[in-house]
Amino acid sequence: MSKRISRIAPWQAGKQFAIVYFILSLFFVIPMMLIASFAPMPPGPAHKFSAGMLVAFPFLYALAGLIFVPLGCWIYNLAAKFTGGVQVSVVDDADA
């Protein structure tokens, strides 16, 4: 069976991806904080480790998702008006 995605709700997709981006960024931030806590740092203000930036990173990444995913959905919706959208094939699951 073939179906088309003719429209994506921008705000709903933005909220969803903001949460996903936040959670996925934790997989990078937590190990980076552990490594940085044991890594020797050279003296001087230019090389001082900023733990605040690592804490802020998941929130900044989520904010970027909240802004840019709806923008991408809006562009997709404009293009889908001319092309008809993306065609996907789906099958009914016999177990459902």
PDB file of N, CA and C in Angstrom:
ATOM      1  N   MET A   1       0.851  -1.156   0.000  1.00  0.00           N
ATOM      2  CA  MET A   1       0.000   0.000   0.000  1.00  0.00           C
ATOM      3  C   MET A   1       0.911   1.237   0.000  1.00  0.00           C
ATOM      4  N   SER A   2       0.565   2.186  -0.795  1.00  0.00           N
ATOM      5  CA  SER A   2       1.373   3.398  -0.923  1.00  0.00           C
ATOM      6  C   SER A   2       0.615   4.595  -0.369  1.00  0.00           C
ATOM      7  N   LYS A   3       1.314   5.412   0.399  1.00  0.00           N
ATOM      8  CA  LYS A   3       0.721   6.619   0.982  1.00  0.00           C
ATOM      9  C   LYS A   3       1.678   7.775   0.769  1.00  0.00           C
ATOM     10  N   ARG A   4       1.166   8.995   0.901  1.00  0.00           N
ATOM     11  CA  ARG A   4       1.984  10.192   0.744  1.00  0.00           C
ATOM     12  C   ARG A   4       1.955  11.026   2.016  1.00  0.00           C
ATOM     13  N   ILE A   5       3.108  11.588   2.351  1.00  0.00           N
ATOM     14  CA  ILE A   5       3.182  12.555   3.445  1.00  0.00           C
ATOM     15  C   ILE A   5       3.062  13.918   2.785  1.00  0.00           C
ATOM     16  N   SER A   6       1.892  14.513   2.897  1.00  0.00           N
ATOM     17  CA  SER A   6       1.648  15.779   2.210  1.00  0.00           C
ATOM     18  C   SER A   6       1.877  16.979   3.115  1.00  0.00           C
ATOM     19  N   ARG A   7       1.893  16.777   4.429  1.00  0.00           N
ATOM     20  CA  ARG A   7       2.107  17.895   5.352  1.00  0.00           C
ATOM     21  C   ARG A   7       2.644  17.371   6.669  1.00  0.00           C
ATOM     22  N   ILE A   8       3.568  18.121   7.253  1.00  0.00           N
ATOM     23  CA  ILE A   8       4.096  17.820   8.580  1.00  0.00           C
ATOM     24  C   ILE A   8       3.779  19.014   9.466  1.00  0.00           C
ATOM     25  N   ALA A   9       3.203  18.780  10.628  1.00  0.00           N
ATOM     26  CA  ALA A   9       2.872  19.865  11.555  1.00  0.00           C
ATOM     27  C   ALA A   9       4.171  20.423  12.144  1.00  0.00           C
ATOM     28  N   PRO A  10       4.552  21.655  11.775  1.00  0.00           N
ATOM     29  CA  PRO A  10       5.858  22.181  12.190  1.00  0.00           C
ATOM     30  C   PRO A  10       6.047  22.288  13.703  1.00  0.00           C
ATOM     31  N   TRP A  11       5.084  22.843  14.419  1.00  0.00           N
ATOM     32  CA  TRP A  11       5.273  23.051  15.850  1.00  0.00           C
ATOM     33  C   TRP A  11       5.340  21.725  16.600  1.00  0.00           C
ATOM     34  N   GLN A  12       4.510  20.768  16.222  1.00  0.00           N
ATOM     35  CA  GLN A  12       4.517  19.454  16.872  1.00  0.00           C
ATOM     36  C   GLN A  12       5.840  18.743  16.621  1.00  0.00           C
ATOM     37  N   ALA A  13       6.335  18.807  15.390  1.00  0.00           N
ATOM     38  CA  ALA A  13       7.618  18.179  15.080  1.00  0.00           C
ATOM     39  C   ALA A  13       8.747  18.876  15.827  1.00  0.00           C
ATOM     40  N   GLY A  14       8.680  20.207  15.942  1.00  0.00           N
ATOM     41  CA  GLY A  14       9.709  20.950  16.665  1.00  0.00           C
ATOM     42  C   GLY A  14       9.772  20.563  18.127  1.00  0.00           C
ATOM     43  N   LYS A  15       8.615  20.434  18.776  1.00  0.00           N
ATOM     44  CA  LYS A  15       8.585  20.035  20.184  1.00  0.00           C
ATOM     45  C   LYS A  15       9.144  18.627  20.360  1.00  0.00           C
ATOM     46  N   GLN A  16       8.752  17.737  19.473  1.00  0.00           N
ATOM     47  CA  GLN A  16       9.205  16.350  19.563  1.00  0.00           C
ATOM     48  C   GLN A  16      10.721  16.259  19.410  1.00  0.00           C
ATOM     49  N   PHE A  17      11.257  16.938  18.403  1.00  0.00           N
ATOM     50  CA  PHE A  17      12.694  16.860  18.155  1.00  0.00           C
ATOM     51  C   PHE A  17      13.495  17.609  19.209  1.00  0.00           C
ATOM     52  N   ALA A  18      12.941  18.638  19.820  1.00  0.00           N
ATOM     53  CA  ALA A  18      13.642  19.323  20.900  1.00  0.00           C
ATOM     54  C   ALA A  18      13.888  18.363  22.060  1.00  0.00           C
ATOM     55  N   ILE A  19      12.896  17.560  22.387  1.00  0.00           N
ATOM     56  CA  ILE A  19      13.053  16.575  23.457  1.00  0.00           C
ATOM     57  C   ILE A  19      14.046  15.493  23.047  1.00  0.00           C
ATOM     58  N   VAL A  20      13.930  15.021  21.815  1.00  0.00           N
ATOM     59  CA  VAL A  20      14.857  13.991  21.331  1.00  0.00           C
ATOM     60  C   VAL A  20      16.289  14.521  21.313  1.00  0.00           C
ATOM     61  N   TYR A  21      16.499  15.734  20.823  1.00  0.00           N
ATOM     62  CA  TYR A  21      17.839  16.318  20.789  1.00  0.00           C
ATOM     63  C   TYR A  21      18.401  16.499  22.187  1.00  0.00           C
ATOM     64  N   PHE A  22      17.573  16.919  23.137  1.00  0.00           N
ATOM     65  CA  PHE A  22      18.023  17.093  24.509  1.00  0.00           C
ATOM     66  C   PHE A  22      18.526  15.764  25.068  1.00  0.00           C
ATOM     67  N   ILE A  23      17.736  14.710  24.908  1.00  0.00           N
ATOM     68  CA  ILE A  23      18.103  13.402  25.443  1.00  0.00           C
ATOM     69  C   ILE A  23      19.345  12.859  24.746  1.00  0.00           C
ATOM     70  N   LEU A  24      19.419  12.977  23.420  1.00  0.00           N
ATOM     71  CA  LEU A  24      20.584  12.478  22.704  1.00  0.00           C
ATOM     72  C   LEU A  24      21.846  13.245  23.059  1.00  0.00           C
ATOM     73  N   SER A  25      21.740  14.528  23.312  1.00  0.00           N
ATOM     74  CA  SER A  25      22.936  15.296  23.660  1.00  0.00           C
ATOM     75  C   SER A  25      23.490  14.882  25.017  1.00  0.00           C
ATOM     76  N   LEU A  26      22.656  14.331  25.889  1.00  0.00           N
ATOM     77  CA  LEU A  26      23.149  13.841  27.174  1.00  0.00           C
ATOM     78  C   LEU A  26      24.128  12.688  27.000  1.00  0.00           C
ATOM     79  N   PHE A  27      23.989  11.920  25.925  1.00  0.00           N
ATOM     80  CA  PHE A  27      24.916  10.819  25.647  1.00  0.00           C
ATOM     81  C   PHE A  27      26.322  11.333  25.315  1.00  0.00           C
ATOM     82  N   PHE A  28      26.426  12.595  24.916  1.00  0.00           N
ATOM     83  CA  PHE A  28      27.727  13.195  24.646  1.00  0.00           C
ATOM     84  C   PHE A  28      28.230  14.013  25.831  1.00  0.00           C
ATOM     85  N   VAL A  29      27.342  14.717  26.491  1.00  0.00           N
ATOM     86  CA  VAL A  29      27.743  15.633  27.558  1.00  0.00           C
ATOM     87  C   VAL A  29      28.235  14.883  28.784  1.00  0.00           C
ATOM     88  N   ILE A  30      27.554  13.852  29.196  1.00  0.00           N
ATOM     89  CA  ILE A  30      27.941  13.129  30.405  1.00  0.00           C
ATOM     90  C   ILE A  30      29.332  12.514  30.266  1.00  0.00           C
ATOM     91  N   PRO A  31      29.658  11.799  29.179  1.00  0.00           N
ATOM     92  CA  PRO A  31      31.034  11.303  29.047  1.00  0.00           C
ATOM     93  C   PRO A  31      32.068  12.430  28.926  1.00  0.00           C
ATOM     94  N   MET A  32      31.716  13.522  28.255  1.00  0.00           N
ATOM     95  CA  MET A  32      32.662  14.631  28.132  1.00  0.00           C
ATOM     96  C   MET A  32      32.947  15.240  29.497  1.00  0.00           C
ATOM     97  N   MET A  33      31.950  15.328  30.353  1.00  0.00           N
ATOM     98  CA  MET A  33      32.171  15.870  31.699  1.00  0.00           C
ATOM     99  C   MET A  33      33.061  14.934  32.516  1.00  0.00           C
ATOM    100  N   LEU A  34      32.852  13.630  32.373  1.00  0.00           N
ATOM    101  CA  LEU A  34      33.689  12.674  33.099  1.00  0.00           C
ATOM    102  C   LEU A  34      35.137  12.731  32.614  1.00  0.00           C
ATOM    103  N   ILE A  35      35.330  12.775  31.312  1.00  0.00           N
ATOM    104  CA  ILE A  35      36.680  12.844  30.758  1.00  0.00           C
ATOM    105  C   ILE A  35      37.359  14.143  31.165  1.00  0.00           C
ATOM    106  N   ALA A  36      36.646  15.241  31.092  1.00  0.00           N
ATOM    107  CA  ALA A  36      37.221  16.540  31.426  1.00  0.00           C
ATOM    108  C   ALA A  36      37.562  16.657  32.901  1.00  0.00           C
ATOM    109  N   SER A  37      36.837  15.954  33.742  1.00  0.00           N
ATOM    110  CA  SER A  37      37.134  16.046  35.162  1.00  0.00           C
ATOM    111  C   SER A  37      38.439  15.350  35.519  1.00  0.00           C
ATOM    112  N   PHE A  38      38.857  14.380  34.717  1.00  0.00           N
ATOM    113  CA  PHE A  38      40.104  13.663  34.981  1.00  0.00           C
ATOM    114  C   PHE A  38      41.259  14.114  34.092  1.00  0.00           C
ATOM    115  N   ALA A  39      40.971  14.849  33.034  1.00  0.00           N
ATOM    116  CA  ALA A  39      42.015  15.282  32.107  1.00  0.00           C
ATOM    117  C   ALA A  39      42.798  16.452  32.699  1.00  0.00           C
ATOM    118  N   PRO A  40      44.114  16.429  32.555  1.00  0.00           N
ATOM    119  CA  PRO A  40      44.901  17.571  33.035  1.00  0.00           C
ATOM    120  C   PRO A  40      44.678  18.775  32.125  1.00  0.00           C
ATOM    121  N   MET A  41      44.534  19.943  32.745  1.00  0.00           N
ATOM    122  CA  MET A  41      44.314  21.180  31.997  1.00  0.00           C
ATOM    123  C   MET A  41      45.543  22.071  32.116  1.00  0.00           C
ATOM    124  N   PRO A  42      45.967  22.664  31.021  1.00  0.00           N
ATOM    125  CA  PRO A  42      47.094  23.593  31.109  1.00  0.00           C
ATOM    126  C   PRO A  42      46.685  24.851  31.873  1.00  0.00           C
ATOM    127  N   PRO A  43      47.610  25.474  32.576  1.00  0.00           N
ATOM    128  CA  PRO A  43      47.257  26.672  33.348  1.00  0.00           C
ATOM    129  C   PRO A  43      46.972  27.854  32.433  1.00  0.00           C
ATOM    130  N   GLY A  44      46.214  28.772  32.943  1.00  0.00           N
ATOM    131  CA  GLY A  44      45.910  29.981  32.190  1.00  0.00           C
ATOM    132  C   GLY A  44      44.429  30.133  31.971  1.00  0.00           C
ATOM    133  N   PRO A  45      43.988  31.370  31.823  1.00  0.00           N
ATOM    134  CA  PRO A  45      42.551  31.617  31.661  1.00  0.00           C
ATOM    135  C   PRO A  45      42.011  31.162  30.307  1.00  0.00           C
ATOM    136  N   ALA A  46      42.853  31.099  29.279  1.00  0.00           N
ATOM    137  CA  ALA A  46      42.373  30.735  27.948  1.00  0.00           C
ATOM    138  C   ALA A  46      42.000  29.262  27.869  1.00  0.00           C
ATOM    139  N   HIS A  47      42.593  28.439  28.737  1.00  0.00           N
ATOM    140  CA  HIS A  47      42.357  26.997  28.665  1.00  0.00           C
ATOM    141  C   HIS A  47      41.532  26.489  29.834  1.00  0.00           C
ATOM    142  N   LYS A  48      40.892  27.384  30.542  1.00  0.00           N
ATOM    143  CA  LYS A  48      40.108  26.964  31.697  1.00  0.00           C
ATOM    144  C   LYS A  48      38.855  26.218  31.237  1.00  0.00           C
ATOM    145  N   PHE A  49      38.615  25.076  31.842  1.00  0.00           N
ATOM    146  CA  PHE A  49      37.462  24.241  31.495  1.00  0.00           C
ATOM    147  C   PHE A  49      36.174  24.912  31.956  1.00  0.00           C
ATOM    148  N   SER A  50      35.206  24.931  31.094  1.00  0.00           N
ATOM    149  CA  SER A  50      33.930  25.548  31.428  1.00  0.00           C
ATOM    150  C   SER A  50      32.863  24.463  31.561  1.00  0.00           C
ATOM    151  N   ALA A  51      32.593  24.072  32.796  1.00  0.00           N
ATOM    152  CA  ALA A  51      31.551  23.075  33.038  1.00  0.00           C
ATOM    153  C   ALA A  51      30.182  23.643  32.723  1.00  0.00           C
ATOM    154  N   GLY A  52      30.038  24.954  32.865  1.00  0.00           N
ATOM    155  CA  GLY A  52      28.759  25.578  32.561  1.00  0.00           C
ATOM    156  C   GLY A  52      28.358  25.413  31.112  1.00  0.00           C
ATOM    157  N   MET A  53      29.346  25.433  30.231  1.00  0.00           N
ATOM    158  CA  MET A  53      29.036  25.253  28.806  1.00  0.00           C
ATOM    159  C   MET A  53      28.548  23.837  28.528  1.00  0.00           C
ATOM    160  N   LEU A  54      29.147  22.857  29.186  1.00  0.00           N
ATOM    161  CA  LEU A  54      28.683  21.480  28.999  1.00  0.00           C
ATOM    162  C   LEU A  54      27.276  21.282  29.557  1.00  0.00           C
ATOM    163  N   VAL A  55      26.957  21.961  30.641  1.00  0.00           N
ATOM    164  CA  VAL A  55      25.608  21.865  31.210  1.00  0.00           C
ATOM    165  C   VAL A  55      24.602  22.554  30.284  1.00  0.00           C
ATOM    166  N   ALA A  56      25.019  23.662  29.679  1.00  0.00           N
ATOM    167  CA  ALA A  56      24.125  24.418  28.800  1.00  0.00           C
ATOM    168  C   ALA A  56      23.947  23.755  27.439  1.00  0.00           C
ATOM    169  N   PHE A  57      24.888  22.901  27.041  1.00  0.00           N
ATOM    170  CA  PHE A  57      24.853  22.299  25.713  1.00  0.00           C
ATOM    171  C   PHE A  57      23.545  21.577  25.388  1.00  0.00           C
ATOM    172  N   PRO A  58      22.999  20.698  26.254  1.00  0.00           N
ATOM    173  CA  PRO A  58      21.730  20.034  25.911  1.00  0.00           C
ATOM    174  C   PRO A  58      20.576  21.019  25.711  1.00  0.00           C
ATOM    175  N   PHE A  59      20.562  22.086  26.498  1.00  0.00           N
ATOM    176  CA  PHE A  59      19.495  23.075  26.362  1.00  0.00           C
ATOM    177  C   PHE A  59      19.639  23.870  25.058  1.00  0.00           C
ATOM    178  N   LEU A  60      20.871  24.206  24.701  1.00  0.00           N
ATOM    179  CA  LEU A  60      21.095  24.922  23.442  1.00  0.00           C
ATOM    180  C   LEU A  60      20.763  24.042  22.244  1.00  0.00           C
ATOM    181  N   TYR A  61      21.110  22.773  22.335  1.00  0.00           N
ATOM    182  CA  TYR A  61      20.812  21.827  21.253  1.00  0.00           C
ATOM    183  C   TYR A  61      19.299  21.654  21.098  1.00  0.00           C
ATOM    184  N   ALA A  62      18.574  21.570  22.217  1.00  0.00           N
ATOM    185  CA  ALA A  62      17.115  21.460  22.172  1.00  0.00           C
ATOM    186  C   ALA A  62      16.497  22.729  21.594  1.00  0.00           C
ATOM    187  N   LEU A  63      17.028  23.889  21.962  1.00  0.00           N
ATOM    188  CA  LEU A  63      16.529  25.149  21.422  1.00  0.00           C
ATOM    189  C   LEU A  63      16.751  25.224  19.911  1.00  0.00           C
ATOM    190  N   ALA A  64      17.901  24.761  19.458  1.00  0.00           N
ATOM    191  CA  ALA A  64      18.166  24.739  18.017  1.00  0.00           C
ATOM    192  C   ALA A  64      17.166  23.830  17.309  1.00  0.00           C
ATOM    193  N   GLY A  65      16.853  22.683  17.898  1.00  0.00           N
ATOM    194  CA  GLY A  65      15.860  21.790  17.313  1.00  0.00           C
ATOM    195  C   GLY A  65      14.483  22.419  17.286  1.00  0.00           C
ATOM    196  N   LEU A  66      14.146  23.148  18.346  1.00  0.00           N
ATOM    197  CA  LEU A  66      12.845  23.804  18.429  1.00  0.00           C
ATOM    198  C   LEU A  66      12.703  24.906  17.381  1.00  0.00           C
ATOM    199  N   ILE A  67      13.808  25.478  16.950  1.00  0.00           N
ATOM    200  CA  ILE A  67      13.769  26.546  15.946  1.00  0.00           C
ATOM    201  C   ILE A  67      13.889  25.985  14.532  1.00  0.00           C
ATOM    202  N   PHE A  68      14.870  25.114  14.296  1.00  0.00           N
ATOM    203  CA  PHE A  68      15.181  24.709  12.929  1.00  0.00           C
ATOM    204  C   PHE A  68      14.322  23.564  12.395  1.00  0.00           C
ATOM    205  N   VAL A  69      13.817  22.681  13.247  1.00  0.00           N
ATOM    206  CA  VAL A  69      12.940  21.611  12.751  1.00  0.00           C
ATOM    207  C   VAL A  69      11.629  22.178  12.216  1.00  0.00           C
ATOM    208  N   PRO A  70      10.946  23.101  12.923  1.00  0.00           N
ATOM    209  CA  PRO A  70       9.743  23.683  12.321  1.00  0.00           C
ATOM    210  C   PRO A  70      10.037  24.448  11.024  1.00  0.00           C
ATOM    211  N   LEU A  71      11.195  25.086  10.957  1.00  0.00           N
ATOM    212  CA  LEU A  71      11.576  25.768   9.718  1.00  0.00           C
ATOM    213  C   LEU A  71      11.718  24.767   8.577  1.00  0.00           C
ATOM    214  N   GLY A  72      12.362  23.654   8.852  1.00  0.00           N
ATOM    215  CA  GLY A  72      12.484  22.604   7.842  1.00  0.00           C
ATOM    216  C   GLY A  72      11.142  22.014   7.450  1.00  0.00           C
ATOM    217  N   CYS A  73      10.245  21.848   8.416  1.00  0.00           N
ATOM    218  CA  CYS A  73       8.898  21.336   8.124  1.00  0.00           C
ATOM    219  C   CYS A  73       8.124  22.327   7.268  1.00  0.00           C
ATOM    220  N   TRP A  74       8.272  23.611   7.563  1.00  0.00           N
ATOM    221  CA  TRP A  74       7.594  24.639   6.774  1.00  0.00           C
ATOM    222  C   TRP A  74       8.082  24.606   5.325  1.00  0.00           C
ATOM    223  N   ILE A  75       9.383  24.475   5.128  1.00  0.00           N
ATOM    224  CA  ILE A  75       9.940  24.382   3.771  1.00  0.00           C
ATOM    225  C   ILE A  75       9.441  23.118   3.081  1.00  0.00           C
ATOM    226  N   TYR A  76       9.398  21.996   3.830  1.00  0.00           N
ATOM    227  CA  TYR A  76       8.874  20.755   3.257  1.00  0.00           C
ATOM    228  C   TYR A  76       7.424  20.935   2.824  1.00  0.00           C
ATOM    229  N   ASN A  77       6.617  21.581   3.666  1.00  0.00           N
ATOM    230  CA  ASN A  77       5.202  21.779   3.341  1.00  0.00           C
ATOM    231  C   ASN A  77       5.042  22.633   2.091  1.00  0.00           C
ATOM    232  N   LEU A  78       5.897  23.639   1.927  1.00  0.00           N
ATOM    233  CA  LEU A  78       5.845  24.442   0.700  1.00  0.00           C
ATOM    234  C   LEU A  78       6.187  23.603  -0.519  1.00  0.00           C
ATOM    235  N   ALA A  79       7.239  22.807  -0.404  1.00  0.00           N
ATOM    236  CA  ALA A  79       7.648  21.960  -1.527  1.00  0.00           C
ATOM    237  C   ALA A  79       6.616  20.874  -1.822  1.00  0.00           C
ATOM    238  N   ALA A  80       5.975  20.359  -0.791  1.00  0.00           N
ATOM    239  CA  ALA A  80       4.987  19.287  -0.974  1.00  0.00           C
ATOM    240  C   ALA A  80       3.762  19.772  -1.740  1.00  0.00           C
ATOM    241  N   LYS A  81       3.479  21.078  -1.677  1.00  0.00           N
ATOM    242  CA  LYS A  81       2.356  21.610  -2.457  1.00  0.00           C
ATOM    243  C   LYS A  81       2.608  21.456  -3.953  1.00  0.00           C
ATOM    244  N   PHE A  82       3.872  21.539  -4.341  1.00  0.00           N
ATOM    245  CA  PHE A  82       4.210  21.441  -5.762  1.00  0.00           C
ATOM    246  C   PHE A  82       4.499  20.012  -6.199  1.00  0.00           C
ATOM    247  N   THR A  83       5.058  19.204  -5.311  1.00  0.00           N
ATOM    248  CA  THR A  83       5.465  17.858  -5.699  1.00  0.00           C
ATOM    249  C   THR A  83       4.508  16.774  -5.229  1.00  0.00           C
ATOM    250  N   GLY A  84       3.630  17.097  -4.302  1.00  0.00           N
ATOM    251  CA  GLY A  84       2.698  16.099  -3.790  1.00  0.00           C
ATOM    252  C   GLY A  84       3.193  15.418  -2.530  1.00  0.00           C
ATOM    253  N   GLY A  85       4.419  15.665  -2.116  1.00  0.00           N
ATOM    254  CA  GLY A  85       4.947  15.069  -0.889  1.00  0.00           C
ATOM    255  C   GLY A  85       5.760  13.831  -1.160  1.00  0.00           C
ATOM    256  N   VAL A  86       6.240  13.242  -0.078  1.00  0.00           N
ATOM    257  CA  VAL A  86       7.065  12.040  -0.149  1.00  0.00           C
ATOM    258  C   VAL A  86       6.148  10.827  -0.150  1.00  0.00           C
ATOM    259  N   GLN A  87       6.433   9.901  -1.047  1.00  0.00           N
ATOM    260  CA  GLN A  87       5.639   8.684  -1.122  1.00  0.00           C
ATOM    261  C   GLN A  87       6.321   7.600  -0.303  1.00  0.00           C
ATOM    262  N   VAL A  88       5.549   6.944   0.558  1.00  0.00           N
ATOM    263  CA  VAL A  88       6.061   5.851   1.379  1.00  0.00           C
ATOM    264  C   VAL A  88       5.178   4.639   1.140  1.00  0.00           C
ATOM    265  N   SER A  89       5.768   3.471   1.337  1.00  0.00           N
ATOM    266  CA  SER A  89       5.011   2.217   1.234  1.00  0.00           C
ATOM    267  C   SER A  89       4.813   1.665   2.623  1.00  0.00           C
ATOM    268  N   VAL A  90       3.592   1.270   2.930  1.00  0.00           N
ATOM    269  CA  VAL A  90       3.268   0.685   4.223  1.00  0.00           C
ATOM    270  C   VAL A  90       2.571  -0.648   4.000  1.00  0.00           C
ATOM    271  N   VAL A  91       2.736  -1.534   4.970  1.00  0.00           N
ATOM    272  CA  VAL A  91       2.054  -2.824   4.917  1.00  0.00           C
ATOM    273  C   VAL A  91       1.310  -3.014   6.221  1.00  0.00           C
ATOM    274  N   ASP A  92       0.215  -3.726   6.166  1.00  0.00           N
ATOM    275  CA  ASP A  92      -0.536  -4.047   7.367  1.00  0.00           C
ATOM    276  C   ASP A  92       0.152  -5.207   8.069  1.00  0.00           C
ATOM    277  N   ASP A  93       0.346  -5.053   9.373  1.00  0.00           N
ATOM    278  CA  ASP A  93       0.976  -6.106  10.159  1.00  0.00           C
ATOM    279  C   ASP A  93      -0.084  -7.161  10.489  1.00  0.00           C
ATOM    280  N   ALA A  94       0.199  -8.401  10.198  1.00  0.00           N
ATOM    281  CA  ALA A  94      -0.753  -9.469  10.431  1.00  0.00           C
ATOM    282  C   ALA A  94      -0.974  -9.722  11.920  1.00  0.00           C
ATOM    283  N   ASP A  95       0.008  -9.375  12.752  1.00  0.00           N
ATOM    284  CA  ASP A  95      -0.108  -9.622  14.191  1.00  0.00           C
ATOM    285  C   ASP A  95      -0.944  -8.568  14.904  1.00  0.00           C
ATOM    286  N   ALA A  96      -1.171  -7.426  14.289  1.00  0.00           N
ATOM    287  CA  ALA A  96      -1.864  -6.321  14.966  1.00  0.00           C
ATOM    288  C   ALA A  96      -3.321  -6.493  14.997  1.00  0.00           C
TER     289      ALA A  96
END
